[in-house]
Amino acid sequence: MKAIWSWFRRDRGGGSSCLARERLRLVLVHDRTNTSPGVLEMLREDLIEVISTYMDIDRPAMEVSLSRNGDSVVVIASIPILGVKRQLPGAS
């Protein structure tokens, strides 16, 4: 009977425990770097502005996060590119 209950309680590919763990990790990274969520949002907007000069991007699908890599903090950006602009600003 214990085997049946343990099977039902198993974490199946993520679920709420993995989500909670990821949120806690992000909170700790933000806390250790003294970074507010507002700063991360401003970084996201600046990245959109600069990259949009050269490429068409899927803005709603864009993700920016902070992660720890040993003693360093890393900015991770996932930016889906829809296409490259043919006419660049300042080009003749």
PDB file of N, CA and C in Angstrom:
ATOM      1  N   MET A   1       0.815  -1.195   0.000  1.00  0.00           N
ATOM      2  CA  MET A   1       0.000   0.000   0.000  1.00  0.00           C
ATOM      3  C   MET A   1       0.863   1.265   0.000  1.00  0.00           C
ATOM      4  N   LYS A   2       2.006   1.223   0.735  1.00  0.00           N
ATOM      5  CA  LYS A   2       2.893   2.382   0.764  1.00  0.00           C
ATOM      6  C   LYS A   2       3.423   2.700  -0.628  1.00  0.00           C
ATOM      7  N   ALA A   3       3.689   1.661  -1.413  1.00  0.00           N
ATOM      8  CA  ALA A   3       4.213   1.867  -2.764  1.00  0.00           C
ATOM      9  C   ALA A   3       3.215   2.629  -3.628  1.00  0.00           C
ATOM     10  N   ILE A   4       1.951   2.343  -3.462  1.00  0.00           N
ATOM     11  CA  ILE A   4       0.919   3.045  -4.239  1.00  0.00           C
ATOM     12  C   ILE A   4       0.889   4.519  -3.867  1.00  0.00           C
ATOM     13  N   TRP A   5       0.897   4.820  -2.565  1.00  0.00           N
ATOM     14  CA  TRP A   5       0.856   6.220  -2.132  1.00  0.00           C
ATOM     15  C   TRP A   5       2.111   6.970  -2.562  1.00  0.00           C
ATOM     16  N   SER A   6       3.264   6.316  -2.477  1.00  0.00           N
ATOM     17  CA  SER A   6       4.501   6.992  -2.884  1.00  0.00           C
ATOM     18  C   SER A   6       4.492   7.262  -4.391  1.00  0.00           C
ATOM     19  N   TRP A   7       3.870   6.385  -5.158  1.00  0.00           N
ATOM     20  CA  TRP A   7       3.771   6.607  -6.597  1.00  0.00           C
ATOM     21  C   TRP A   7       2.932   7.851  -6.895  1.00  0.00           C
ATOM     22  N   PHE A   8       1.833   8.050  -6.161  1.00  0.00           N
ATOM     23  CA  PHE A   8       0.980   9.214  -6.369  1.00  0.00           C
ATOM     24  C   PHE A   8       1.657  10.506  -5.926  1.00  0.00           C
ATOM     25  N   ARG A   9       2.530  10.428  -4.929  1.00  0.00           N
ATOM     26  CA  ARG A   9       3.181  11.622  -4.405  1.00  0.00           C
ATOM     27  C   ARG A   9       4.445  11.991  -5.162  1.00  0.00           C
ATOM     28  N   ARG A  10       4.890  11.162  -6.055  1.00  0.00           N
ATOM     29  CA  ARG A  10       6.120  11.433  -6.796  1.00  0.00           C
ATOM     30  C   ARG A  10       6.002  12.707  -7.609  1.00  0.00           C
ATOM     31  N   ASP A  11       7.128  13.421  -7.728  1.00  0.00           N
ATOM     32  CA  ASP A  11       7.191  14.632  -8.542  1.00  0.00           C
ATOM     33  C   ASP A  11       7.318  14.225 -10.006  1.00  0.00           C
ATOM     34  N   ARG A  12       6.352  14.561 -10.817  1.00  0.00           N
ATOM     35  CA  ARG A  12       6.328  14.148 -12.211  1.00  0.00           C
ATOM     36  C   ARG A  12       6.752  15.308 -13.129  1.00  0.00           C
ATOM     37  N   GLY A  13       8.063  15.426 -13.359  1.00  0.00           N
ATOM     38  CA  GLY A  13       8.552  16.390 -14.335  1.00  0.00           C
ATOM     39  C   GLY A  13       8.368  17.836 -13.946  1.00  0.00           C
ATOM     40  N   GLY A  14       8.428  18.150 -12.703  1.00  0.00           N
ATOM     41  CA  GLY A  14       8.324  19.550 -12.320  1.00  0.00           C
ATOM     42  C   GLY A  14       7.262  19.747 -11.287  1.00  0.00           C
ATOM     43  N   GLY A  15       6.142  20.223 -11.723  1.00  0.00           N
ATOM     44  CA  GLY A  15       5.061  20.468 -10.798  1.00  0.00           C
ATOM     45  C   GLY A  15       5.340  21.663  -9.912  1.00  0.00           C
ATOM     46  N   SER A  16       4.540  21.772  -8.870  1.00  0.00           N
ATOM     47  CA  SER A  16       4.623  22.943  -8.010  1.00  0.00           C
ATOM     48  C   SER A  16       5.903  22.981  -7.188  1.00  0.00           C
ATOM     49  N   SER A  17       6.463  21.832  -6.833  1.00  0.00           N
ATOM     50  CA  SER A  17       7.692  21.857  -6.029  1.00  0.00           C
ATOM     51  C   SER A  17       8.867  22.416  -6.830  1.00  0.00           C
ATOM     52  N   CYS A  18       8.968  22.064  -8.097  1.00  0.00           N
ATOM     53  CA  CYS A  18      10.045  22.607  -8.933  1.00  0.00           C
ATOM     54  C   CYS A  18       9.839  24.096  -9.184  1.00  0.00           C
ATOM     55  N   LEU A  19       8.606  24.490  -9.377  1.00  0.00           N
ATOM     56  CA  LEU A  19       8.295  25.900  -9.576  1.00  0.00           C
ATOM     57  C   LEU A  19       8.639  26.699  -8.325  1.00  0.00           C
ATOM     58  N   ALA A  20       8.275  26.187  -7.170  1.00  0.00           N
ATOM     59  CA  ALA A  20       8.587  26.861  -5.905  1.00  0.00           C
ATOM     60  C   ALA A  20      10.096  26.940  -5.699  1.00  0.00           C
ATOM     61  N   ARG A  21      10.805  25.879  -6.017  1.00  0.00           N
ATOM     62  CA  ARG A  21      12.265  25.864  -5.889  1.00  0.00           C
ATOM     63  C   ARG A  21      12.899  26.904  -6.806  1.00  0.00           C
ATOM     64  N   GLU A  22      12.407  27.012  -8.042  1.00  0.00           N
ATOM     65  CA  GLU A  22      12.935  27.994  -8.994  1.00  0.00           C
ATOM     66  C   GLU A  22      12.650  29.417  -8.520  1.00  0.00           C
ATOM     67  N   ARG A  23      11.457  29.661  -8.003  1.00  0.00           N
ATOM     68  CA  ARG A  23      11.128  30.993  -7.482  1.00  0.00           C
ATOM     69  C   ARG A  23      12.021  31.355  -6.305  1.00  0.00           C
ATOM     70  N   LEU A  24      12.255  30.407  -5.418  1.00  0.00           N
ATOM     71  CA  LEU A  24      13.137  30.646  -4.279  1.00  0.00           C
ATOM     72  C   LEU A  24      14.554  30.944  -4.756  1.00  0.00           C
ATOM     73  N   ARG A  25      15.015  30.213  -5.749  1.00  0.00           N
ATOM     74  CA  ARG A  25      16.350  30.451  -6.294  1.00  0.00           C
ATOM     75  C   ARG A  25      16.462  31.869  -6.845  1.00  0.00           C
ATOM     76  N   LEU A  26      15.431  32.311  -7.583  1.00  0.00           N
ATOM     77  CA  LEU A  26      15.438  33.665  -8.135  1.00  0.00           C
ATOM     78  C   LEU A  26      15.416  34.718  -7.039  1.00  0.00           C
ATOM     79  N   VAL A  27      14.622  34.491  -6.003  1.00  0.00           N
ATOM     80  CA  VAL A  27      14.569  35.434  -4.881  1.00  0.00           C
ATOM     81  C   VAL A  27      15.940  35.541  -4.222  1.00  0.00           C
ATOM     82  N   LEU A  28      16.610  34.410  -4.023  1.00  0.00           N
ATOM     83  CA  LEU A  28      17.938  34.421  -3.406  1.00  0.00           C
ATOM     84  C   LEU A  28      18.957  35.138  -4.285  1.00  0.00           C
ATOM     85  N   VAL A  29      18.905  34.909  -5.586  1.00  0.00           N
ATOM     86  CA  VAL A  29      19.834  35.589  -6.494  1.00  0.00           C
ATOM     87  C   VAL A  29      19.583  37.087  -6.470  1.00  0.00           C
ATOM     88  N   HIS A  30      18.320  37.497  -6.514  1.00  0.00           N
ATOM     89  CA  HIS A  30      17.983  38.920  -6.474  1.00  0.00           C
ATOM     90  C   HIS A  30      18.461  39.528  -5.165  1.00  0.00           C
ATOM     91  N   ASP A  31      18.267  38.805  -4.068  1.00  0.00           N
ATOM     92  CA  ASP A  31      18.663  39.298  -2.759  1.00  0.00           C
ATOM     93  C   ASP A  31      20.179  39.434  -2.663  1.00  0.00           C
ATOM     94  N   ARG A  32      20.909  38.451  -3.126  1.00  0.00           N
ATOM     95  CA  ARG A  32      22.372  38.472  -3.034  1.00  0.00           C
ATOM     96  C   ARG A  32      22.998  39.529  -3.928  1.00  0.00           C
ATOM     97  N   THR A  33      22.341  39.879  -5.018  1.00  0.00           N
ATOM     98  CA  THR A  33      22.878  40.896  -5.922  1.00  0.00           C
ATOM     99  C   THR A  33      22.274  42.264  -5.659  1.00  0.00           C
ATOM    100  N   ASN A  34      21.391  42.336  -4.680  1.00  0.00           N
ATOM    101  CA  ASN A  34      20.721  43.587  -4.331  1.00  0.00           C
ATOM    102  C   ASN A  34      19.997  44.164  -5.552  1.00  0.00           C
ATOM    103  N   THR A  35      19.327  43.295  -6.300  1.00  0.00           N
ATOM    104  CA  THR A  35      18.615  43.671  -7.515  1.00  0.00           C
ATOM    105  C   THR A  35      17.116  43.552  -7.290  1.00  0.00           C
ATOM    106  N   SER A  36      16.394  44.612  -7.617  1.00  0.00           N
ATOM    107  CA  SER A  36      14.941  44.561  -7.475  1.00  0.00           C
ATOM    108  C   SER A  36      14.320  44.049  -8.773  1.00  0.00           C
ATOM    109  N   PRO A  37      13.099  43.532  -8.700  1.00  0.00           N
ATOM    110  CA  PRO A  37      12.419  43.097  -9.929  1.00  0.00           C
ATOM    111  C   PRO A  37      12.243  44.243 -10.926  1.00  0.00           C
ATOM    112  N   GLY A  38      12.146  45.484 -10.429  1.00  0.00           N
ATOM    113  CA  GLY A  38      12.024  46.641 -11.312  1.00  0.00           C
ATOM    114  C   GLY A  38      13.245  46.826 -12.189  1.00  0.00           C
ATOM    115  N   VAL A  39      14.427  46.564 -11.625  1.00  0.00           N
ATOM    116  CA  VAL A  39      15.667  46.679 -12.395  1.00  0.00           C
ATOM    117  C   VAL A  39      15.686  45.637 -13.508  1.00  0.00           C
ATOM    118  N   LEU A  40      15.241  44.437 -13.200  1.00  0.00           N
ATOM    119  CA  LEU A  40      15.195  43.378 -14.207  1.00  0.00           C
ATOM    120  C   LEU A  40      14.221  43.737 -15.330  1.00  0.00           C
ATOM    121  N   GLU A  41      13.113  44.367 -14.990  1.00  0.00           N
ATOM    122  CA  GLU A  41      12.141  44.789 -16.005  1.00  0.00           C
ATOM    123  C   GLU A  41      12.719  45.912 -16.868  1.00  0.00           C
ATOM    124  N   MET A  42      13.444  46.852 -16.254  1.00  0.00           N
ATOM    125  CA  MET A  42      14.084  47.926 -17.027  1.00  0.00           C
ATOM    126  C   MET A  42      15.141  47.350 -17.968  1.00  0.00           C
ATOM    127  N   LEU A  43      15.890  46.354 -17.503  1.00  0.00           N
ATOM    128  CA  LEU A  43      16.875  45.681 -18.351  1.00  0.00           C
ATOM    129  C   LEU A  43      16.184  45.024 -19.539  1.00  0.00           C
ATOM    130  N   ARG A  44      15.059  44.382 -19.281  1.00  0.00           N
ATOM    131  CA  ARG A  44      14.286  43.725 -20.342  1.00  0.00           C
ATOM    132  C   ARG A  44      13.852  44.747 -21.394  1.00  0.00           C
ATOM    133  N   GLU A  45      13.332  45.896 -20.940  1.00  0.00           N
ATOM    134  CA  GLU A  45      12.877  46.935 -21.871  1.00  0.00           C
ATOM    135  C   GLU A  45      14.044  47.500 -22.685  1.00  0.00           C
ATOM    136  N   ASP A  46      15.194  47.707 -22.050  1.00  0.00           N
ATOM    137  CA  ASP A  46      16.367  48.207 -22.771  1.00  0.00           C
ATOM    138  C   ASP A  46      16.848  47.201 -23.814  1.00  0.00           C
ATOM    139  N   LEU A  47      16.848  45.918 -23.454  1.00  0.00           N
ATOM    140  CA  LEU A  47      17.235  44.885 -24.421  1.00  0.00           C
ATOM    141  C   LEU A  47      16.288  44.879 -25.615  1.00  0.00           C
ATOM    142  N   ILE A  48      14.997  45.001 -25.357  1.00  0.00           N
ATOM    143  CA  ILE A  48      14.008  45.045 -26.442  1.00  0.00           C
ATOM    144  C   ILE A  48      14.296  46.217 -27.366  1.00  0.00           C
ATOM    145  N   GLU A  49      14.559  47.387 -26.784  1.00  0.00           N
ATOM    146  CA  GLU A  49      14.805  48.591 -27.582  1.00  0.00           C
ATOM    147  C   GLU A  49      16.029  48.423 -28.487  1.00  0.00           C
ATOM    148  N   VAL A  50      17.116  47.922 -27.930  1.00  0.00           N
ATOM    149  CA  VAL A  50      18.355  47.787 -28.707  1.00  0.00           C
ATOM    150  C   VAL A  50      18.240  46.691 -29.764  1.00  0.00           C
ATOM    151  N   ILE A  51      17.756  45.528 -29.381  1.00  0.00           N
ATOM    152  CA  ILE A  51      17.690  44.406 -30.320  1.00  0.00           C
ATOM    153  C   ILE A  51      16.663  44.669 -31.418  1.00  0.00           C
ATOM    154  N   SER A  52      15.598  45.396 -31.093  1.00  0.00           N
ATOM    155  CA  SER A  52      14.569  45.713 -32.092  1.00  0.00           C
ATOM    156  C   SER A  52      15.103  46.603 -33.202  1.00  0.00           C
ATOM    157  N   THR A  53      16.210  47.272 -32.977  1.00  0.00           N
ATOM    158  CA  THR A  53      16.839  48.080 -34.016  1.00  0.00           C
ATOM    159  C   THR A  53      17.312  47.199 -35.169  1.00  0.00           C
ATOM    160  N   TYR A  54      17.721  45.986 -34.861  1.00  0.00           N
ATOM    161  CA  TYR A  54      18.320  45.095 -35.852  1.00  0.00           C
ATOM    162  C   TYR A  54      17.455  43.899 -36.232  1.00  0.00           C
ATOM    163  N   MET A  55      16.538  43.516 -35.334  1.00  0.00           N
ATOM    164  CA  MET A  55      15.752  42.305 -35.560  1.00  0.00           C
ATOM    165  C   MET A  55      14.316  42.491 -35.101  1.00  0.00           C
ATOM    166  N   ASP A  56      13.426  41.722 -35.734  1.00  0.00           N
ATOM    167  CA  ASP A  56      12.050  41.635 -35.250  1.00  0.00           C
ATOM    168  C   ASP A  56      12.017  40.509 -34.228  1.00  0.00           C
ATOM    169  N   ILE A  57      11.524  40.814 -33.025  1.00  0.00           N
ATOM    170  CA  ILE A  57      11.525  39.812 -31.960  1.00  0.00           C
ATOM    171  C   ILE A  57      10.117  39.579 -31.439  1.00  0.00           C
ATOM    172  N   ASP A  58       9.923  38.433 -30.833  1.00  0.00           N
ATOM    173  CA  ASP A  58       8.652  38.068 -30.205  1.00  0.00           C
ATOM    174  C   ASP A  58       8.694  38.580 -28.763  1.00  0.00           C
ATOM    175  N   ARG A  59       8.247  39.808 -28.557  1.00  0.00           N
ATOM    176  CA  ARG A  59       8.356  40.463 -27.248  1.00  0.00           C
ATOM    177  C   ARG A  59       7.665  39.707 -26.115  1.00  0.00           C
ATOM    178  N   PRO A  60       6.430  39.245 -26.295  1.00  0.00           N
ATOM    179  CA  PRO A  60       5.782  38.536 -25.178  1.00  0.00           C
ATOM    180  C   PRO A  60       6.502  37.250 -24.767  1.00  0.00           C
ATOM    181  N   ALA A  61       7.197  36.613 -25.697  1.00  0.00           N
ATOM    182  CA  ALA A  61       7.873  35.352 -25.383  1.00  0.00           C
ATOM    183  C   ALA A  61       9.280  35.555 -24.826  1.00  0.00           C
ATOM    184  N   MET A  62       9.746  36.795 -24.800  1.00  0.00           N
ATOM    185  CA  MET A  62      11.095  37.090 -24.318  1.00  0.00           C
ATOM    186  C   MET A  62      11.178  36.889 -22.808  1.00  0.00           C
ATOM    187  N   GLU A  63      12.267  36.268 -22.359  1.00  0.00           N
ATOM    188  CA  GLU A  63      12.482  36.038 -20.928  1.00  0.00           C
ATOM    189  C   GLU A  63      13.871  36.511 -20.535  1.00  0.00           C
ATOM    190  N   VAL A  64      13.950  37.226 -19.409  1.00  0.00           N
ATOM    191  CA  VAL A  64      15.228  37.671 -18.863  1.00  0.00           C
ATOM    192  C   VAL A  64      15.256  37.264 -17.404  1.00  0.00           C
ATOM    193  N   SER A  65      16.361  36.645 -16.985  1.00  0.00           N
ATOM    194  CA  SER A  65      16.469  36.228 -15.585  1.00  0.00           C
ATOM    195  C   SER A  65      17.913  36.321 -15.125  1.00  0.00           C
ATOM    196  N   LEU A  66      18.088  36.231 -13.824  1.00  0.00           N
ATOM    197  CA  LEU A  66      19.417  36.189 -13.220  1.00  0.00           C
ATOM    198  C   LEU A  66      19.648  34.789 -12.694  1.00  0.00           C
ATOM    199  N   SER A  67      20.882  34.348 -12.763  1.00  0.00           N
ATOM    200  CA  SER A  67      21.228  33.018 -12.271  1.00  0.00           C
ATOM    201  C   SER A  67      22.614  33.076 -11.644  1.00  0.00           C
ATOM    202  N   ARG A  68      22.854  32.201 -10.700  1.00  0.00           N
ATOM    203  CA  ARG A  68      24.187  32.112 -10.090  1.00  0.00           C
ATOM    204  C   ARG A  68      24.996  31.056 -10.830  1.00  0.00           C
ATOM    205  N   ASN A  69      26.246  31.404 -11.082  1.00  0.00           N
ATOM    206  CA  ASN A  69      27.186  30.479 -11.703  1.00  0.00           C
ATOM    207  C   ASN A  69      28.443  30.505 -10.846  1.00  0.00           C
ATOM    208  N   GLY A  70      28.473  29.671  -9.816  1.00  0.00           N
ATOM    209  CA  GLY A  70      29.578  29.708  -8.862  1.00  0.00           C
ATOM    210  C   GLY A  70      29.483  30.972  -8.031  1.00  0.00           C
ATOM    211  N   ASP A  71      30.522  31.799  -8.081  1.00  0.00           N
ATOM    212  CA  ASP A  71      30.530  33.062  -7.342  1.00  0.00           C
ATOM    213  C   ASP A  71      29.968  34.213  -8.162  1.00  0.00           C
ATOM    214  N   SER A  72      29.672  33.974  -9.428  1.00  0.00           N
ATOM    215  CA  SER A  72      29.204  35.028 -10.323  1.00  0.00           C
ATOM    216  C   SER A  72      27.694  34.987 -10.488  1.00  0.00           C
ATOM    217  N   VAL A  73      27.140  36.134 -10.855  1.00  0.00           N
ATOM    218  CA  VAL A  73      25.733  36.220 -11.226  1.00  0.00           C
ATOM    219  C   VAL A  73      25.683  36.441 -12.730  1.00  0.00           C
ATOM    220  N   VAL A  74      24.825  35.694 -13.409  1.00  0.00           N
ATOM    221  CA  VAL A  74      24.747  35.714 -14.865  1.00  0.00           C
ATOM    222  C   VAL A  74      23.362  36.193 -15.288  1.00  0.00           C
ATOM    223  N   VAL A  75      23.304  37.065 -16.297  1.00  0.00           N
ATOM    224  CA  VAL A  75      22.037  37.470 -16.900  1.00  0.00           C
ATOM    225  C   VAL A  75      21.759  36.495 -18.032  1.00  0.00           C
ATOM    226  N   ILE A  76      20.579  35.892 -17.999  1.00  0.00           N
ATOM    227  CA  ILE A  76      20.184  34.947 -19.038  1.00  0.00           C
ATOM    228  C   ILE A  76      19.001  35.550 -19.788  1.00  0.00           C
ATOM    229  N   ALA A  77      19.155  35.695 -21.103  1.00  0.00           N
ATOM    230  CA  ALA A  77      18.090  36.255 -21.927  1.00  0.00           C
ATOM    231  C   ALA A  77      17.723  35.261 -23.021  1.00  0.00           C
ATOM    232  N   SER A  78      16.444  34.958 -23.106  1.00  0.00           N
ATOM    233  CA  SER A  78      15.917  34.123 -24.180  1.00  0.00           C
ATOM    234  C   SER A  78      15.036  35.030 -25.036  1.00  0.00           C
ATOM    235  N   ILE A  79      15.487  35.308 -26.253  1.00  0.00           N
ATOM    236  CA  ILE A  79      14.817  36.282 -27.109  1.00  0.00           C
ATOM    237  C   ILE A  79      14.493  35.628 -28.450  1.00  0.00           C
ATOM    238  N   PRO A  80      13.247  35.208 -28.652  1.00  0.00           N
ATOM    239  CA  PRO A  80      12.871  34.606 -29.935  1.00  0.00           C
ATOM    240  C   PRO A  80      12.944  35.639 -31.069  1.00  0.00           C
ATOM    241  N   ILE A  81      13.695  35.323 -32.109  1.00  0.00           N
ATOM    242  CA  ILE A  81      13.877  36.223 -33.248  1.00  0.00           C
ATOM    243  C   ILE A  81      12.932  35.796 -34.362  1.00  0.00           C
ATOM    244  N   LEU A  82      12.118  36.746 -34.813  1.00  0.00           N
ATOM    245  CA  LEU A  82      11.168  36.476 -35.894  1.00  0.00           C
ATOM    246  C   LEU A  82      11.791  36.734 -37.259  1.00  0.00           C
ATOM    247  N   GLY A  83      12.736  37.656 -37.317  1.00  0.00           N
ATOM    248  CA  GLY A  83      13.399  37.966 -38.577  1.00  0.00           C
ATOM    249  C   GLY A  83      14.432  39.054 -38.383  1.00  0.00           C
ATOM    250  N   VAL A  84      15.300  39.201 -39.376  1.00  0.00           N
ATOM    251  CA  VAL A  84      16.336  40.227 -39.345  1.00  0.00           C
ATOM    252  C   VAL A  84      15.897  41.358 -40.260  1.00  0.00           C
ATOM    253  N   LYS A  85      16.056  42.592 -39.797  1.00  0.00           N
ATOM    254  CA  LYS A  85      15.666  43.749 -40.598  1.00  0.00           C
ATOM    255  C   LYS A  85      16.672  43.950 -41.722  1.00  0.00           C
ATOM    256  N   ARG A  86      16.172  44.198 -42.916  1.00  0.00           N
ATOM    257  CA  ARG A  86      17.033  44.371 -44.090  1.00  0.00           C
ATOM    258  C   ARG A  86      17.704  45.743 -44.073  1.00  0.00           C
ATOM    259  N   GLN A  87      16.942  46.774 -43.771  1.00  0.00           N
ATOM    260  CA  GLN A  87      17.456  48.144 -43.774  1.00  0.00           C
ATOM    261  C   GLN A  87      17.818  48.535 -42.352  1.00  0.00           C
ATOM    262  N   LEU A  88      19.108  48.657 -42.077  1.00  0.00           N
ATOM    263  CA  LEU A  88      19.564  49.031 -40.748  1.00  0.00           C
ATOM    264  C   LEU A  88      19.604  50.546 -40.622  1.00  0.00           C
ATOM    265  N   PRO A  89      19.361  51.073 -39.424  1.00  0.00           N
ATOM    266  CA  PRO A  89      19.418  52.520 -39.227  1.00  0.00           C
ATOM    267  C   PRO A  89      20.818  53.053 -39.534  1.00  0.00           C
ATOM    268  N   GLY A  90      20.881  54.173 -40.230  1.00  0.00           N
ATOM    269  CA  GLY A  90      22.165  54.781 -40.547  1.00  0.00           C
ATOM    270  C   GLY A  90      22.842  54.193 -41.772  1.00  0.00           C
ATOM    271  N   ALA A  91      22.298  53.110 -42.316  1.00  0.00           N
ATOM    272  CA  ALA A  91      22.885  52.494 -43.515  1.00  0.00           C
ATOM    273  C   ALA A  91      22.297  53.147 -44.751  1.00  0.00           C
ATOM    274  N   SER A  92      23.112  53.288 -45.778  1.00  0.00           N
ATOM    275  CA  SER A  92      22.634  53.911 -47.016  1.00  0.00           C
ATOM    276  C   SER A  92      22.165  52.882 -47.998  1.00  0.00           C
TER     277      SER A  92
END
